[in-house]
Every structure is written in structure tokens, then in C-alpha cells.
C-alpha atoms as a PDB file:
ATOM      1  CA  MET A   1      13.341  -6.583   4.257  1.00  0.00           C
ATOM      2  CA  SER A   2      16.350  -4.277   3.944  1.00  0.00           C
ATOM      3  CA  ALA A   3      16.163  -1.124   1.879  1.00  0.00           C
ATOM      4  CA  PRO A   4      17.845  -1.238  -1.553  1.00  0.00           C
ATOM      5  CA  ALA A   5      21.391   0.067  -1.616  1.00  0.00           C
ATOM      6  CA  VAL A   6      21.877   3.573  -2.942  1.00  0.00           C
ATOM      7  CA  THR A   7      24.600   3.233  -5.554  1.00  0.00           C
ATOM      8  CA  PRO A   8      26.845   6.112  -6.696  1.00  0.00           C
ATOM      9  CA  LEU A   9      25.015   6.094 -10.039  1.00  0.00           C
ATOM     10  CA  ILE A  10      21.674   6.657  -8.315  1.00  0.00           C
ATOM     11  CA  GLN A  11      23.228   9.442  -6.252  1.00  0.00           C
ATOM     12  CA  CYS A  12      24.635  11.094  -9.395  1.00  0.00           C
ATOM     13  CA  LEU A  13      21.325  10.990 -11.200  1.00  0.00           C
ATOM     14  CA  ALA A  14      19.444  12.293  -8.161  1.00  0.00           C
ATOM     15  CA  LEU A  15      21.805  15.239  -7.720  1.00  0.00           C
ATOM     16  CA  ALA A  16      21.723  16.007 -11.452  1.00  0.00           C
ATOM     17  CA  ARG A  17      17.915  16.038 -11.384  1.00  0.00           C
ATOM     18  CA  LYS A  18      18.054  18.336  -8.369  1.00  0.00           C
ATOM     19  CA  ASP A  19      20.306  20.780 -10.238  1.00  0.00           C
ATOM     20  CA  LEU A  20      18.037  20.727 -13.282  1.00  0.00           C
ATOM     21  CA  ARG A  21      14.943  21.328 -11.140  1.00  0.00           C
ATOM     22  CA  LEU A  22      16.646  24.315  -9.513  1.00  0.00           C
ATOM     23  CA  GLU A  23      17.570  25.633 -12.947  1.00  0.00           C
ATOM     24  CA  ARG A  24      14.004  25.197 -14.167  1.00  0.00           C
ATOM     25  CA  ARG A  25      12.760  27.303 -11.263  1.00  0.00           C
ATOM     26  CA  ALA A  26      15.468  29.972 -11.460  1.00  0.00           C
ATOM     27  CA  GLY A  27      15.904  30.025 -15.245  1.00  0.00           C
ATOM     28  CA  GLU A  28      19.437  31.375 -14.885  1.00  0.00           C
ATOM     29  CA  ALA A  29      20.916  29.548 -17.885  1.00  0.00           C
ATOM     30  CA  LEU A  30      18.159  29.709 -20.491  1.00  0.00           C
ATOM     31  CA  LEU A  31      16.234  32.795 -19.349  1.00  0.00           C
ATOM     32  CA  VAL A  32      19.141  35.039 -18.326  1.00  0.00           C
ATOM     33  CA  THR A  33      22.423  33.857 -19.848  1.00  0.00           C
ATOM     34  CA  ALA A  34      20.957  32.776 -23.209  1.00  0.00           C
ATOM     35  CA  PRO A  35      19.438  36.226 -23.961  1.00  0.00           C
ATOM     36  CA  PHE A  36      22.787  37.836 -23.183  1.00  0.00           C
ATOM     37  CA  GLY A  37      24.445  35.407 -25.592  1.00  0.00           C
ATOM     38  CA  ALA A  38      21.875  36.223 -28.263  1.00  0.00           C
ATOM     39  CA  THR A  39      22.539  39.918 -27.672  1.00  0.00           C
ATOM     40  CA  ALA A  40      26.255  39.337 -28.182  1.00  0.00           C
ATOM     41  CA  LEU A  41      25.503  37.641 -31.504  1.00  0.00           C
ATOM     42  CA  LEU A  42      23.300  40.588 -32.450  1.00  0.00           C
ATOM     43  CA  LEU A  43      25.929  43.230 -31.637  1.00  0.00           C
ATOM     44  CA  ALA A  44      28.644  41.685 -33.804  1.00  0.00           C
ATOM     45  CA  PRO A  45      26.859  42.430 -37.146  1.00  0.00           C
ATOM     46  CA  LEU A  46      26.319  46.008 -35.988  1.00  0.00           C
ATOM     47  CA  ALA A  47      30.077  46.363 -35.551  1.00  0.00           C
ATOM     48  CA  VAL A  48      30.956  44.665 -38.855  1.00  0.00           C
ATOM     49  CA  GLY A  49      28.385  46.518 -40.928  1.00  0.00           C
ATOM     50  CA  THR A  50      26.477  45.321 -43.983  1.00  0.00           C
ATOM     51  CA  ASP A  51      29.261  43.200 -45.443  1.00  0.00           C
ATOM     52  CA  THR A  52      27.146  40.082 -45.953  1.00  0.00           C
ATOM     53  CA  PRO A  53      29.944  37.787 -47.237  1.00  0.00           C
ATOM     54  CA  LEU A  54      32.070  38.695 -44.211  1.00  0.00           C
ATOM     55  CA  LEU A  55      29.180  38.035 -41.851  1.00  0.00           C
ATOM     56  CA  ARG A  56      28.652  34.594 -43.374  1.00  0.00           C
ATOM     57  CA  GLU A  57      32.342  33.855 -42.831  1.00  0.00           C
ATOM     58  CA  LEU A  58      32.234  35.019 -39.228  1.00  0.00           C
ATOM     59  CA  GLY A  59      28.954  33.327 -38.326  1.00  0.00           C
ATOM     60  CA  ALA A  60      30.244  29.953 -37.146  1.00  0.00           C
ATOM     61  CA  PRO A  61      33.340  31.241 -35.283  1.00  0.00           C
ATOM     62  CA  LEU A  62      31.309  33.915 -33.465  1.00  0.00           C
ATOM     63  CA  TYR A  63      28.649  31.372 -32.526  1.00  0.00           C
ATOM     64  CA  TRP A  64      31.213  29.061 -30.932  1.00  0.00           C
ATOM     65  CA  LEU A  65      32.963  31.974 -29.236  1.00  0.00           C
ATOM     66  CA  VAL A  66      29.706  33.062 -27.608  1.00  0.00           C
ATOM     67  CA  VAL A  67      28.957  29.459 -26.617  1.00  0.00           C
ATOM     68  CA  LEU A  68      32.375  29.187 -24.953  1.00  0.00           C
ATOM     69  CA  LEU A  69      32.315  32.509 -23.099  1.00  0.00           C
ATOM     70  CA  PHE A  70      28.706  32.439 -21.948  1.00  0.00           C
ATOM     71  CA  GLY A  71      28.694  28.665 -21.487  1.00  0.00           C
ATOM     72  CA  VAL A  72      31.378  29.073 -18.838  1.00  0.00           C
ATOM     73  CA  LEU A  73      28.943  31.197 -16.841  1.00  0.00           C
ATOM     74  CA  VAL A  74      26.355  28.437 -17.076  1.00  0.00           C
ATOM     75  CA  THR A  75      28.764  25.889 -15.615  1.00  0.00           C
ATOM     76  CA  LEU A  76      29.838  28.110 -12.715  1.00  0.00           C
ATOM     77  CA  ARG A  77      26.404  28.550 -11.199  1.00  0.00           C
ATOM     78  CA  GLY A  78      26.835  25.460  -8.971  1.00  0.00           C
ATOM     79  CA  SER A  79      28.920  26.920  -6.186  1.00  0.00           C
ATOM     80  CA  ALA A  80      26.435  29.776  -5.880  1.00  0.00           C
ATOM     81  CA  VAL A  81      23.631  27.234  -5.293  1.00  0.00           C
ATOM     82  CA  ASP A  82      25.374  24.724  -3.025  1.00  0.00           C
ATOM     83  CA  GLY A  83      26.528  26.606   0.031  1.00  0.00           C
ATOM     84  CA  PRO A  84      28.420  25.229   3.057  1.00  0.00           C
ATOM     85  CA  ALA A  85      25.207  23.926   4.631  1.00  0.00           C
ATOM     86  CA  GLN A  86      24.245  21.964   1.515  1.00  0.00           C
ATOM     87  CA  LEU A  87      27.755  20.533   1.151  1.00  0.00           C
ATOM     88  CA  ALA A  88      27.799  19.488   4.804  1.00  0.00           C
ATOM     89  CA  LEU A  89      24.451  17.737   4.370  1.00  0.00           C
ATOM     90  CA  LEU A  90      25.740  15.865   1.307  1.00  0.00           C
ATOM     91  CA  ARG A  91      28.850  14.731   3.203  1.00  0.00           C
ATOM     92  CA  LEU A  92      26.734  13.511   6.123  1.00  0.00           C
ATOM     93  CA  SER A  93      24.567  11.618   3.625  1.00  0.00           C
ATOM     94  CA  GLY A  94      27.636   9.778   2.334  1.00  0.00           C
ATOM     95  CA  VAL A  95      27.829  11.583  -1.025  1.00  0.00           C
ATOM     96  CA  GLY A  96      31.503  11.834  -1.956  1.00  0.00           C
ATOM     97  CA  PRO A  97      33.223  14.526  -4.010  1.00  0.00           C
ATOM     98  CA  GLN A  98      33.457  12.221  -7.021  1.00  0.00           C
ATOM     99  CA  VAL A  99      29.685  11.762  -7.081  1.00  0.00           C
ATOM    100  CA  ARG A 100      29.111  15.496  -6.688  1.00  0.00           C
ATOM    101  CA  LEU A 101      31.497  16.245  -9.544  1.00  0.00           C
ATOM    102  CA  VAL A 102      29.942  13.718 -11.930  1.00  0.00           C
ATOM    103  CA  SER A 103      26.427  14.916 -11.123  1.00  0.00           C
ATOM    104  CA  ARG A 104      27.501  18.487 -11.840  1.00  0.00           C
ATOM    105  CA  VAL A 105      28.971  17.389 -15.177  1.00  0.00           C
ATOM    106  CA  LEU A 106      25.700  15.691 -16.129  1.00  0.00           C
ATOM    107  CA  SER A 107      23.536  18.678 -15.269  1.00  0.00           C
ATOM    108  CA  ASN A 108      25.988  21.104 -16.878  1.00  0.00           C
ATOM    109  CA  GLY A 109      26.036  19.029 -20.053  1.00  0.00           C
ATOM    110  CA  VAL A 110      22.250  19.077 -20.370  1.00  0.00           C
ATOM    111  CA  LEU A 111      22.087  22.838 -19.747  1.00  0.00           C
ATOM    112  CA  LEU A 112      24.928  23.606 -22.160  1.00  0.00           C
ATOM    113  CA  LEU A 113      23.354  21.519 -24.899  1.00  0.00           C
ATOM    114  CA  GLY A 114      20.102  23.402 -24.406  1.00  0.00           C
ATOM    115  CA  PHE A 115      22.034  26.689 -24.434  1.00  0.00           C
ATOM    116  CA  GLU A 116      23.667  25.750 -27.756  1.00  0.00           C
ATOM    117  CA  LEU A 117      20.345  24.768 -29.302  1.00  0.00           C
ATOM    118  CA  VAL A 118      18.739  28.052 -28.223  1.00  0.00           C
ATOM    119  CA  LEU A 119      21.529  30.156 -29.743  1.00  0.00           C
ATOM    120  CA  ALA A 120      21.879  28.156 -32.981  1.00  0.00           C
ATOM    121  CA  PRO A 121      18.713  29.539 -34.704  1.00  0.00           C
ATOM    122  CA  VAL A 122      19.724  33.074 -33.682  1.00  0.00           C
ATOM    123  CA  ALA A 123      23.121  32.643 -35.356  1.00  0.00           C
ATOM    124  CA  VAL A 124      21.506  31.216 -38.495  1.00  0.00           C
ATOM    125  CA  LEU A 125      19.037  34.107 -38.759  1.00  0.00           C
ATOM    126  CA  LEU A 126      21.654  36.806 -38.159  1.00  0.00           C
ATOM    127  CA  TYR A 127      24.557  35.457 -40.209  1.00  0.00           C
ATOM    128  CA  ASP A 128      23.019  33.081 -42.764  1.00  0.00           C
ATOM    129  CA  PRO A 129      26.098  30.810 -42.581  1.00  0.00           C
ATOM    130  CA  ASP A 130      26.874  28.092 -45.090  1.00  0.00           C
ATOM    131  CA  LEU A 131      25.388  24.957 -43.507  1.00  0.00           C
ATOM    132  CA  THR A 132      26.968  22.482 -45.917  1.00  0.00           C
ATOM    133  CA  GLY A 133      27.626  19.293 -43.980  1.00  0.00           C
ATOM    134  CA  TRP A 134      25.339  20.355 -41.138  1.00  0.00           C
ATOM    135  CA  PRO A 135      24.898  16.754 -39.822  1.00  0.00           C
ATOM    136  CA  TRP A 136      28.479  16.977 -38.583  1.00  0.00           C
ATOM    137  CA  LEU A 137      27.292  19.782 -36.334  1.00  0.00           C
ATOM    138  CA  LEU A 138      25.271  17.358 -34.198  1.00  0.00           C
ATOM    139  CA  PRO A 139      28.213  15.418 -32.660  1.00  0.00           C
ATOM    140  CA  VAL A 140      30.157  18.678 -32.333  1.00  0.00           C
ATOM    141  CA  LEU A 141      27.354  20.210 -30.265  1.00  0.00           C
ATOM    142  CA  VAL A 142      27.379  17.219 -27.929  1.00  0.00           C
ATOM    143  CA  LEU A 143      31.180  17.072 -27.630  1.00  0.00           C
ATOM    144  CA  VAL A 144      31.576  20.798 -26.969  1.00  0.00           C
ATOM    145  CA  ALA A 145      28.824  20.681 -24.353  1.00  0.00           C
ATOM    146  CA  ALA A 146      30.508  17.682 -22.705  1.00  0.00           C
ATOM    147  CA  GLY A 147      33.935  19.311 -22.737  1.00  0.00           C
ATOM    148  CA  LEU A 148      32.708  22.595 -21.280  1.00  0.00           C
ATOM    149  CA  ALA A 149      30.625  20.703 -18.719  1.00  0.00           C
ATOM    150  CA  VAL A 150      33.663  18.791 -17.418  1.00  0.00           C
ATOM    151  CA  LEU A 151      35.968  21.814 -17.405  1.00  0.00           C
ATOM    152  CA  GLY A 152      33.340  24.040 -15.802  1.00  0.00           C
ATOM    153  CA  ALA A 153      32.435  21.520 -13.106  1.00  0.00           C
ATOM    154  CA  LEU A 154      36.103  21.005 -12.241  1.00  0.00           C
ATOM    155  CA  ALA A 155      36.793  24.745 -12.088  1.00  0.00           C
ATOM    156  CA  ASP A 156      33.625  25.281 -10.074  1.00  0.00           C
ATOM    157  CA  ALA A 157      34.791  22.722  -7.506  1.00  0.00           C
ATOM    158  CA  LEU A 158      38.259  24.261  -7.317  1.00  0.00           C
ATOM    159  CA  VAL A 159      37.065  27.841  -6.727  1.00  0.00           C
ATOM    160  CA  SER A 160      34.076  26.951  -4.538  1.00  0.00           C
ATOM    161  CA  GLY A 161      33.997  29.143  -1.450  1.00  0.00           C
ATOM    162  CA  LEU A 162      36.526  31.665  -2.744  1.00  0.00           C
ATOM    163  CA  ALA A 163      35.649  35.354  -2.772  1.00  0.00           C
ATOM    164  CA  GLY A 164      36.711  35.746  -6.417  1.00  0.00           C
ATOM    165  CA  ARG A 165      34.839  32.682  -7.649  1.00  0.00           C
ATOM    166  CA  THR A 166      33.048  34.460 -10.492  1.00  0.00           C
ATOM    167  CA  THR A 167      36.344  35.865 -11.783  1.00  0.00           C
ATOM    168  CA  LEU A 168      38.656  32.921 -11.205  1.00  0.00           C
ATOM    169  CA  GLY A 169      36.304  30.348 -12.737  1.00  0.00           C
ATOM    170  CA  PRO A 170      36.196  31.826 -16.254  1.00  0.00           C
ATOM    171  CA  LEU A 171      39.939  32.512 -16.121  1.00  0.00           C
ATOM    172  CA  LEU A 172      40.560  28.827 -15.431  1.00  0.00           C
ATOM    173  CA  VAL A 173      38.171  27.462 -18.061  1.00  0.00           C
ATOM    174  CA  ALA A 174      38.501  29.835 -21.028  1.00  0.00           C
ATOM    175  CA  PRO A 175      42.192  29.194 -21.898  1.00  0.00           C
ATOM    176  CA  VAL A 176      41.942  25.398 -21.740  1.00  0.00           C
ATOM    177  CA  ALA A 177      38.673  25.454 -23.710  1.00  0.00           C
ATOM    178  CA  VAL A 178      40.278  27.148 -26.710  1.00  0.00           C
ATOM    179  CA  PRO A 179      40.896  23.766 -28.476  1.00  0.00           C
ATOM    180  CA  LEU A 180      37.152  23.139 -28.285  1.00  0.00           C
ATOM    181  CA  LEU A 181      36.560  26.431 -30.083  1.00  0.00           C
ATOM    182  CA  LEU A 182      39.184  25.657 -32.732  1.00  0.00           C
ATOM    183  CA  GLY A 183      37.917  22.131 -33.282  1.00  0.00           C
ATOM    184  CA  ALA A 184      34.243  23.111 -33.560  1.00  0.00           C
ATOM    185  CA  THR A 185      35.033  25.894 -36.030  1.00  0.00           C
ATOM    186  CA  GLY A 186      37.403  23.621 -37.949  1.00  0.00           C
ATOM    187  CA  VAL A 187      34.708  20.991 -38.470  1.00  0.00           C
ATOM    188  CA  MET A 188      32.376  23.513 -40.081  1.00  0.00           C
ATOM    189  CA  GLN A 189      35.136  24.956 -42.247  1.00  0.00           C
ATOM    190  CA  ALA A 190      36.284  21.502 -43.356  1.00  0.00           C
ATOM    191  CA  THR A 191      32.801  20.378 -44.407  1.00  0.00           C
ATOM    192  CA  ARG A 192      32.249  23.665 -46.209  1.00  0.00           C
ATOM    193  CA  TYR A 193      35.324  23.203 -48.396  1.00  0.00           C
ATOM    194  CA  GLY A 194      34.898  19.460 -48.908  1.00  0.00           C
ATOM    195  CA  ARG A 195      37.719  18.385 -46.599  1.00  0.00           C
ATOM    196  CA  PRO A 196      37.404  15.536 -44.061  1.00  0.00           C
ATOM    197  CA  PRO A 197      36.396  16.860 -40.643  1.00  0.00           C
ATOM    198  CA  TRP A 198      37.825  13.876 -38.757  1.00  0.00           C
ATOM    199  CA  PRO A 199      41.031  15.587 -37.552  1.00  0.00           C
ATOM    200  CA  TRP A 200      39.026  18.359 -35.904  1.00  0.00           C
ATOM    201  CA  LEU A 201      36.578  15.895 -34.385  1.00  0.00           C
ATOM    202  CA  VAL A 202      39.522  13.932 -32.991  1.00  0.00           C
ATOM    203  CA  LEU A 203      40.872  17.154 -31.469  1.00  0.00           C
ATOM    204  CA  VAL A 204      37.581  17.946 -29.723  1.00  0.00           C
ATOM    205  CA  THR A 205      37.171  14.336 -28.549  1.00  0.00           C
ATOM    206  CA  THR A 206      40.721  14.302 -27.196  1.00  0.00           C
ATOM    207  CA  VAL A 207      40.108  17.485 -25.211  1.00  0.00           C
ATOM    208  CA  VAL A 208      36.950  15.968 -23.720  1.00  0.00           C
ATOM    209  CA  LEU A 209      38.726  12.731 -22.759  1.00  0.00           C
ATOM    210  CA  VAL A 210      41.719  14.526 -21.259  1.00  0.00           C
ATOM    211  CA  ALA A 211      39.421  16.813 -19.271  1.00  0.00           C
ATOM    212  CA  ALA A 212      37.439  13.806 -18.016  1.00  0.00           C
ATOM    213  CA  LEU A 213      40.618  11.977 -16.961  1.00  0.00           C
ATOM    214  CA  LEU A 214      41.890  15.106 -15.212  1.00  0.00           C
ATOM    215  CA  ALA A 215      38.591  15.505 -13.378  1.00  0.00           C
ATOM    216  CA  ALA A 216      38.636  11.837 -12.322  1.00  0.00           C
ATOM    217  CA  TRP A 217      42.176  12.226 -10.979  1.00  0.00           C
ATOM    218  CA  CYS A 218      41.404  15.474  -9.138  1.00  0.00           C
ATOM    219  CA  ALA A 219      38.066  14.339  -7.720  1.00  0.00           C
ATOM    220  CA  ARG A 220      39.672  12.373  -4.882  1.00  0.00           C
ATOM    221  CA  HIS A 221      41.409  15.532  -3.657  1.00  0.00           C
ATOM    222  CA  LEU A 222      38.402  17.847  -3.830  1.00  0.00           C
ATOM    223  CA  GLU A 223      37.153  16.953  -0.343  1.00  0.00           C
ATOM    224  CA  ASP A 224      40.088  18.827   1.153  1.00  0.00           C
ATOM    225  CA  LEU A 225      39.335  21.934  -0.945  1.00  0.00           C
ATOM    226  CA  THR A 226      35.582  22.265  -0.414  1.00  0.00           C
END
């Protein structure tokens, strides 16, 4: 009896589980990066002072800014884990660049969502923001995590092996992730003032779809770059 075929989906899930197991052992995202993000949220009120109304206004934007800046670091850990030897082994095993990219997106998405959920209570405790319409926050958390996961995985693949990887990666991701920041903040502001949040949700969804299409188009050319 022949062995069952290993489909690209099975390969993606296996590689994503491998990344998550490595993260669980190292704790780089939730045990190192998340405390730095919480510290950034803590330092902002010290700079603003005791102006409570201003802090409530700044709570949501600062939360999403920290998620964007520190979330980029979470997505760029891949090239530090998968060295030339690991990449060569994956190629010999028949794992293509498309599968590697999708698996990285899946693992990044899970880690970023966990990162957002860890920082959210910290932001609520420090800033006491107006949480009117908070159910809209749930799809925004997922969409922002997905968008950053795709952009980070693509940038990670592009700068893999370069000496300035840790500098070039954030420079590539941060500018194109600005619409995610604007859209996430816009949803919270819209629900707070009783306006429909759909336009901002459409903006975030569009960014995610465009990033996914760009990654799918670039994936076929990544083998020559890595």
C-alpha cells in the first residue's frame, strides 16, 4: 500500500506548527516582545501627564501604533530561525517557496493575534478608553493580525539572508501597514461617535486582500532570492 500523498496544505500546517512550537520554547513574541510593547504603552502616559481625558482619546491610537511597530518584530523572527541549512532541507523535501510563505503567514497570524490580546488589557487599564461598540474590535483584531502577518512574512522572505535584515524588514513593512493603523483606529472612533464603521473595515479588508494577492504573485519568484 502506497503512502498517502503529502499535499501543500498538509505541508503548510506542519511548518506552521513547527514555527509555533519553536516560539513556545523560545518565547520571543509573548515573553520578550510583548513586555516591551506593554512598557511602551506605560511610558506614553508618563509623557502626557495626568490629563485623563487626553489619555482616553489617545488610548486606542497608541494601542494600534504599538501593535504595528512591535508586531513587525514578531513577524521578522522567521529568517533568524530558518538558516541556509534549514532552507536547503526544505527544498530537498519538495517544500516550495509558496508553501513556506503561507505557513509563515499562518504562524505569524496566530502569534500576532496572541500579541494583540496580551496588550489589550494593558491598554484598557492604563488609558480607560471608551469601549462603546467593542464587538467591532473583534474582526479588527483578526484583520490587523492577518494583514501584518502577510506583510511581515513577505518582507521576511525578501530580506532573508541580508546583513541588514532587522533594519530593512521594519522599513519595508511599517509604511505599507499605515492603512491598517488608520482603519483600526477609525473603526473605534466611528463606533464611539455613532457613525457606521463599515468604510474603515472595508479599508482594512482591502489592505489585507491586496497584501495577500501581492504575496501570491511574489511567491513564485522567492526561490531565486532565498
